[in-house]
Protein backbone atom coordinates (compact mmCIF):
# COMPACT_ATOMS: atom_id res chain seq x y z
CA MET A 1 16.92 -14.70 10.59
CA ASN A 2 20.73 -14.93 11.76
CA GLU A 3 21.69 -15.77 7.77
CA VAL A 4 19.72 -12.11 6.86
CA GLY A 5 21.47 -10.40 9.25
CA THR A 6 25.59 -11.58 8.80
CA ALA A 7 24.06 -11.25 4.92
CA THR A 8 23.68 -7.58 5.37
CA ALA A 9 26.56 -7.16 7.90
CA ASN A 10 28.52 -8.23 4.93
CA SER A 11 27.18 -6.05 1.87
CA TYR A 12 28.01 -3.45 0.72
CA GLY A 13 25.06 -1.71 0.83
CA LEU A 14 21.45 -2.31 1.55
CA LEU A 15 18.80 -0.73 -1.85
CA VAL A 16 15.74 0.73 0.39
CA ASN A 17 12.25 0.49 -1.80
CA SER A 18 11.24 4.06 -0.02
CA PHE A 19 12.33 7.68 -0.80
CA TYR A 20 14.50 10.00 1.38
CA GLU A 21 11.19 12.65 2.16
CA LEU A 22 9.27 9.76 3.26
CA GLU A 23 11.99 8.26 5.88
CA GLN A 24 14.24 11.16 6.13
CA PRO A 25 15.01 11.29 10.14
CA TYR A 26 15.07 7.43 9.99
CA GLU A 27 18.53 7.07 6.66
CA ASP A 28 19.61 9.85 9.30
CA TYR A 29 19.87 8.07 11.75
CA TRP A 30 20.93 4.36 10.15
CA ASN A 31 23.67 5.34 7.54
CA ARG A 32 25.22 7.93 11.14
CA GLU A 33 24.73 4.64 13.18
CA CYS A 34 24.07 1.92 11.39
CA GLN A 35 26.31 -0.67 8.46
CA PRO A 36 25.84 -0.25 5.70
CA LYS A 37 24.99 2.04 4.51
CA ALA A 38 21.56 2.37 2.17
CA TRP A 39 20.17 4.41 -1.01
CA SER A 40 16.50 4.56 -1.10
CA ILE A 41 16.08 4.90 -4.32
CA GLY A 42 12.83 4.33 -4.93
CA PRO A 43 9.32 4.21 -5.11
CA LEU A 44 9.74 1.79 -7.26
CA CYS A 45 6.46 1.24 -8.73
CA LEU A 46 6.63 4.72 -10.17
CA ALA A 47 9.36 3.08 -11.99
CA GLN A 48 6.88 0.82 -14.08
CA PRO A 49 6.74 1.61 -17.88
CA SER A 50 3.12 2.74 -18.88
CA LYS A 51 1.27 0.72 -20.35
CA LEU A 52 -0.79 -0.11 -23.49
CA GLU A 53 -3.35 1.28 -24.25
CA ILE A 54 -6.26 -1.49 -24.44
CA SER A 55 -9.40 -1.76 -26.73
CA PRO A 56 -12.45 -1.38 -24.02
CA CYS A 57 -13.64 -4.75 -24.86
CA GLN A 58 -10.39 -5.66 -23.03
CA ARG A 59 -10.96 -3.91 -20.05
CA PRO A 60 -11.36 -6.24 -17.16
CA LYS A 61 -14.79 -5.63 -15.91
CA TRP A 62 -13.82 -3.85 -12.74
CA MET A 63 -12.24 -1.31 -14.46
CA HIS A 64 -15.59 -0.87 -16.59
CA TRP A 65 -16.98 -0.90 -12.65
CA LEU A 66 -14.99 1.06 -11.51
CA ASP A 67 -15.62 3.53 -14.77
CA LYS A 68 -19.38 3.25 -13.54
CA LYS A 69 -18.86 5.04 -10.02
CA LEU A 70 -16.52 7.60 -11.33
CA ALA A 71 -19.26 8.61 -13.57
CA GLN A 72 -21.83 8.20 -10.50
CA ASN A 73 -19.74 10.71 -8.40
CA CYS A 74 -20.02 6.81 -5.55
CA PRO A 75 -16.40 7.54 -4.44
CA VAL A 76 -14.94 3.87 -3.71
CA LEU A 77 -13.33 1.74 -1.13
CA TYR A 78 -10.91 -1.03 -2.48
CA VAL A 79 -10.48 -3.55 -0.04
CA ALA A 80 -7.12 -6.46 -0.55
CA PHE A 81 -4.99 -8.52 1.74
CA GLY A 82 -2.45 -9.35 -0.42
CA SER A 83 -1.07 -12.33 -2.02
CA GLN A 84 -0.03 -14.01 1.13
CA THR A 85 -3.09 -13.96 4.41
CA LYS A 86 -5.09 -16.50 5.35
CA ILE A 87 -8.12 -14.79 7.29
CA SER A 88 -10.91 -17.31 8.48
CA PRO A 89 -14.56 -17.92 7.39
CA THR A 90 -15.64 -15.96 10.88
CA GLN A 91 -13.93 -12.97 10.69
CA LEU A 92 -14.65 -12.87 6.57
CA ARG A 93 -18.26 -12.72 7.07
CA GLU A 94 -17.91 -10.53 9.41
CA ILE A 95 -16.20 -8.02 7.35
CA ALA A 96 -19.07 -8.18 5.06
CA LEU A 97 -20.89 -7.70 7.55
CA GLY A 98 -19.43 -4.88 8.10
CA LEU A 99 -18.65 -3.08 4.28
CA GLU A 100 -22.75 -3.81 4.34
CA GLU A 101 -23.42 -1.55 7.17
CA ALA A 102 -20.84 0.84 5.98
CA ASN A 103 -22.85 1.52 2.85
CA VAL A 104 -20.28 2.82 0.95
CA SER A 105 -19.33 1.66 -2.70
CA PHE A 106 -15.99 -0.87 -2.76
CA LEU A 107 -14.31 -3.54 -4.75
CA TRP A 108 -13.13 -6.32 -2.66
CA VAL A 109 -10.58 -8.37 -3.95
CA MET A 110 -10.88 -11.73 -1.65
CA ARG A 111 -8.53 -14.81 -2.92
CA GLU A 112 -11.03 -17.13 -0.81
CA SER A 113 -13.58 -17.85 -3.51
CA LYS A 114 -14.94 -21.43 -1.79
CA VAL A 115 -15.80 -19.71 1.08
CA GLU A 116 -19.56 -18.77 1.80
CA LEU A 117 -20.77 -15.47 3.00
CA ARG A 118 -23.99 -13.57 4.86
CA ASP A 119 -26.68 -15.12 3.47
CA GLY A 120 -28.08 -12.66 0.30
CA PHE A 121 -24.63 -10.18 0.93
CA GLU A 122 -24.09 -10.41 -3.14
CA ASP A 123 -27.64 -9.59 -3.93
CA LYS A 124 -27.60 -6.42 -0.76
CA VAL A 125 -25.40 -4.59 -2.17
CA SER A 126 -24.70 -5.33 -5.88
CA GLU A 127 -25.34 -1.65 -6.68
CA ARG A 128 -22.49 -0.52 -4.71
CA GLY A 129 -20.07 -3.65 -4.24
CA ILE A 130 -18.45 -6.19 -6.58
CA ILE A 131 -16.34 -8.77 -5.74
CA VAL A 132 -13.61 -9.94 -7.55
CA ASN A 133 -12.10 -13.31 -6.81
CA GLU A 134 -8.86 -13.52 -9.01
CA TRP A 135 -5.96 -11.37 -9.66
CA VAL A 136 -6.65 -7.09 -10.14
CA ASP A 137 -4.10 -4.56 -11.14
CA GLN A 138 -3.69 -3.03 -7.89
CA LYS A 139 -1.48 -0.20 -9.34
CA GLU A 140 -3.85 0.28 -11.88
CA VAL A 141 -7.42 -0.19 -9.32
CA LEU A 142 -5.73 2.59 -6.94
CA GLU A 143 -4.42 4.94 -9.97
CA HIS A 144 -8.49 4.72 -10.24
CA PRO A 145 -9.91 8.27 -9.96
CA ILE A 146 -13.11 7.30 -8.37
CA VAL A 147 -10.86 5.29 -5.76
CA GLN A 148 -10.60 7.49 -2.39
CA GLY A 149 -9.94 4.67 0.27
CA PHE A 150 -7.02 1.37 0.31
CA LEU A 151 -8.67 -1.29 3.47
CA SER A 152 -4.98 -2.82 3.42
CA HIS A 153 -2.56 -5.44 5.48
CA CYS A 154 0.03 -2.79 4.74
CA GLY A 155 2.41 -4.93 2.68
CA TRP A 156 5.26 -2.42 2.10
CA ASN A 157 4.84 -2.37 -1.61
CA SER A 158 0.79 -1.61 -0.93
CA VAL A 159 1.17 0.90 0.98
CA LEU A 160 3.85 2.60 -1.74
CA GLU A 161 0.86 2.02 -4.23
CA GLY A 162 -1.03 3.88 -2.08
CA ILE A 163 0.29 6.77 -1.69
CA CYS A 164 1.49 6.97 -5.36
CA ALA A 165 -2.11 6.95 -6.13
CA GLU A 166 -3.07 9.87 -3.82
CA VAL A 167 -5.21 7.27 -1.73
CA PRO A 168 -5.54 7.48 1.70
CA ILE A 169 -5.38 4.22 3.89
CA LEU A 170 -7.07 2.05 6.19
CA ALA A 171 -4.43 -0.43 7.73
CA TRP A 172 -5.59 -3.87 9.02
CA PRO A 173 -1.98 -5.42 9.21
CA MET A 174 -2.12 -9.63 9.39
CA MET A 175 1.63 -10.64 9.34
CA ALA A 176 5.83 -9.67 9.91
CA GLU A 177 6.45 -5.93 9.56
CA GLN A 178 2.83 -4.90 7.99
CA HIS A 179 2.48 -4.00 11.71
CA LEU A 180 5.13 -2.23 12.17
CA ASN A 181 4.21 -0.26 8.72
CA ALA A 182 0.75 0.00 9.95
CA ARG A 183 2.20 1.80 13.09
CA MET A 184 3.46 4.33 10.30
CA VAL A 185 0.64 4.70 7.70
CA GLU A 186 -1.75 6.18 11.28
CA GLU A 187 1.22 7.43 13.40
CA GLU A 188 4.77 8.54 11.25
CA ILE A 189 2.71 10.07 7.81
CA LYS A 190 -0.91 10.59 8.49
CA VAL A 191 -1.84 9.32 5.71
CA GLY A 192 -4.47 6.80 7.32
CA LEU A 193 -5.95 5.13 10.59
CA ARG A 194 -6.23 1.53 11.87
CA VAL A 195 -8.88 -1.02 12.68
CA ASN A 196 -9.27 -2.00 15.93
CA THR A 197 -9.30 -5.61 16.90
CA VAL A 198 -11.40 -6.44 20.16
CA ASP A 199 -9.13 -7.52 22.31
CA GLY A 200 -5.94 -5.05 21.32
CA SER A 201 -3.58 -7.17 20.05
CA ALA A 202 -2.15 -6.75 16.39
CA LYS A 203 -3.93 -10.32 15.84
CA GLY A 204 -7.44 -9.85 17.21
CA PHE A 205 -11.15 -9.49 15.97
CA VAL A 206 -12.10 -6.95 14.25
CA THR A 207 -15.41 -6.68 14.79
CA SER A 208 -18.60 -5.37 11.60
CA LYS A 209 -19.31 -2.68 13.95
CA SER A 210 -15.54 -1.20 14.44
CA LEU A 211 -14.73 -2.19 10.75
CA SER A 212 -17.57 -0.01 9.84
CA TYR A 213 -16.68 2.79 12.10
CA ALA A 214 -13.09 3.08 10.47
CA VAL A 215 -14.92 2.96 7.11
CA LEU A 216 -16.78 5.88 7.54
CA GLN A 217 -13.86 8.30 9.22
CA LEU A 218 -11.71 7.46 6.41
CA MET A 219 -14.25 7.58 3.45
CA GLU A 220 -17.00 10.25 4.77
CA GLY A 221 -14.98 12.40 7.73
CA GLU A 222 -13.22 15.01 8.80
CA LYS A 223 -10.09 12.57 9.26
CA GLY A 224 -9.97 11.43 6.10
CA LYS A 225 -10.09 14.18 3.90
CA THR A 226 -7.10 15.57 6.15
CA PHE A 227 -5.77 11.93 5.44
CA ARG A 228 -6.08 12.60 1.33
CA GLU A 229 -4.52 16.38 1.60
CA LYS A 230 -1.21 14.92 3.55
CA VAL A 231 -1.28 11.55 0.95
CA LYS A 232 -1.09 14.27 -1.94
CA GLU A 233 1.72 15.80 -0.54
CA LEU A 234 3.58 12.24 -0.27
CA ALA A 235 2.68 11.49 -3.84
CA THR A 236 4.01 14.55 -5.07
CA ALA A 237 7.45 14.20 -3.17
CA ALA A 238 7.31 10.66 -4.82
CA ARG A 239 7.01 11.71 -8.06
CA LYS A 240 9.44 14.24 -7.24
CA ALA A 241 12.21 12.13 -5.56
CA MET A 242 11.96 9.60 -9.27
CA ALA A 243 12.55 12.46 -11.79
CA GLU A 244 15.88 13.59 -12.71
CA GLY A 245 17.57 15.84 -10.11
CA GLY A 246 15.66 13.84 -7.44
CA SER A 247 16.61 12.40 -4.65
CA SER A 248 17.10 8.62 -5.92
CA TRP A 249 17.83 10.10 -8.27
CA HIS A 250 20.98 11.50 -6.89
CA ALA A 251 20.96 8.33 -4.43
CA LEU A 252 21.03 5.97 -7.31
CA ASN A 253 23.70 7.48 -8.96
CA ASN A 254 25.60 8.22 -5.77
CA LEU A 255 25.46 4.26 -5.10
CA LEU A 256 27.59 3.90 -8.46
CA SER A 257 29.83 6.53 -8.30
CA GLU A 258 30.45 5.05 -5.64
CA THR A 259 30.33 1.62 -6.90
CA LEU A 260 32.91 2.40 -9.67
CA LYS A 261 35.47 3.52 -7.52
CA GLN A 262 35.61 1.23 -5.47
CA THR A 263 36.07 -1.14 -7.96
CA GLU A 264 38.63 0.98 -9.61
CA ILE A 265 40.54 0.80 -5.76
CA ASN A 266 39.71 -2.82 -5.67
CA SER A 267 41.82 -3.34 -9.13
CA SER A 268 44.48 -1.37 -8.20
CA LYS A 269 44.98 -3.33 -5.29
CA PHE A 270 45.99 -6.62 -7.83
CA ASN A 271 47.66 -4.81 -10.69
């Protein structure tokens, strides 16, 4: 951490994968009270080039499954905890029970493919749930119109992808800065809520009852409706920020202008 702090202090500036409208008071405070200057130039997930269209036979099975749910008008909860998170077998089985009890449609990306879930779980939920044990294009999944909720570890990229796809978030932070991101999701920008642990600690156990209750609040409750309205507003702001003339567009232009100016000043010192 000392090396990071030293490198930051000696840097000309910070490029931030965010947008001004999302974190205005924090960016204003940082640039007023702290150094070096920060430029918000995101969300970078919106800068990704559009994918080439592929034939239906080349689309992965889970996208066909989402299409089926769209035809049935069954909103889907997307469940993914990132590639670095390690979840105990006991907690995974509790998640499975919680999803079963919530009785909502879900797509669960579970990398722990060798963990045996509850007896007969996949058969019980086969009509409304699918478990994927391989890599998925998360952005593509979130942008599918039938995905209406995101149970997430709240890695920052995942938070931004959820916002830009207009999908409210059920926050379950696991490590690093994810707890701060989850707090922001629930308390600051108000596009989701957090799951509750048994002991109230950040890394505590989450029961199936607590999880199913939170899932239903997000997917079917009044809170979920409010979150969807708010996340749509932020998604619109994000797209405007990245468009020509938007805040992120201006931030990048200003950064380039200042960098060129500083380069010219430095060059003149040696002439």
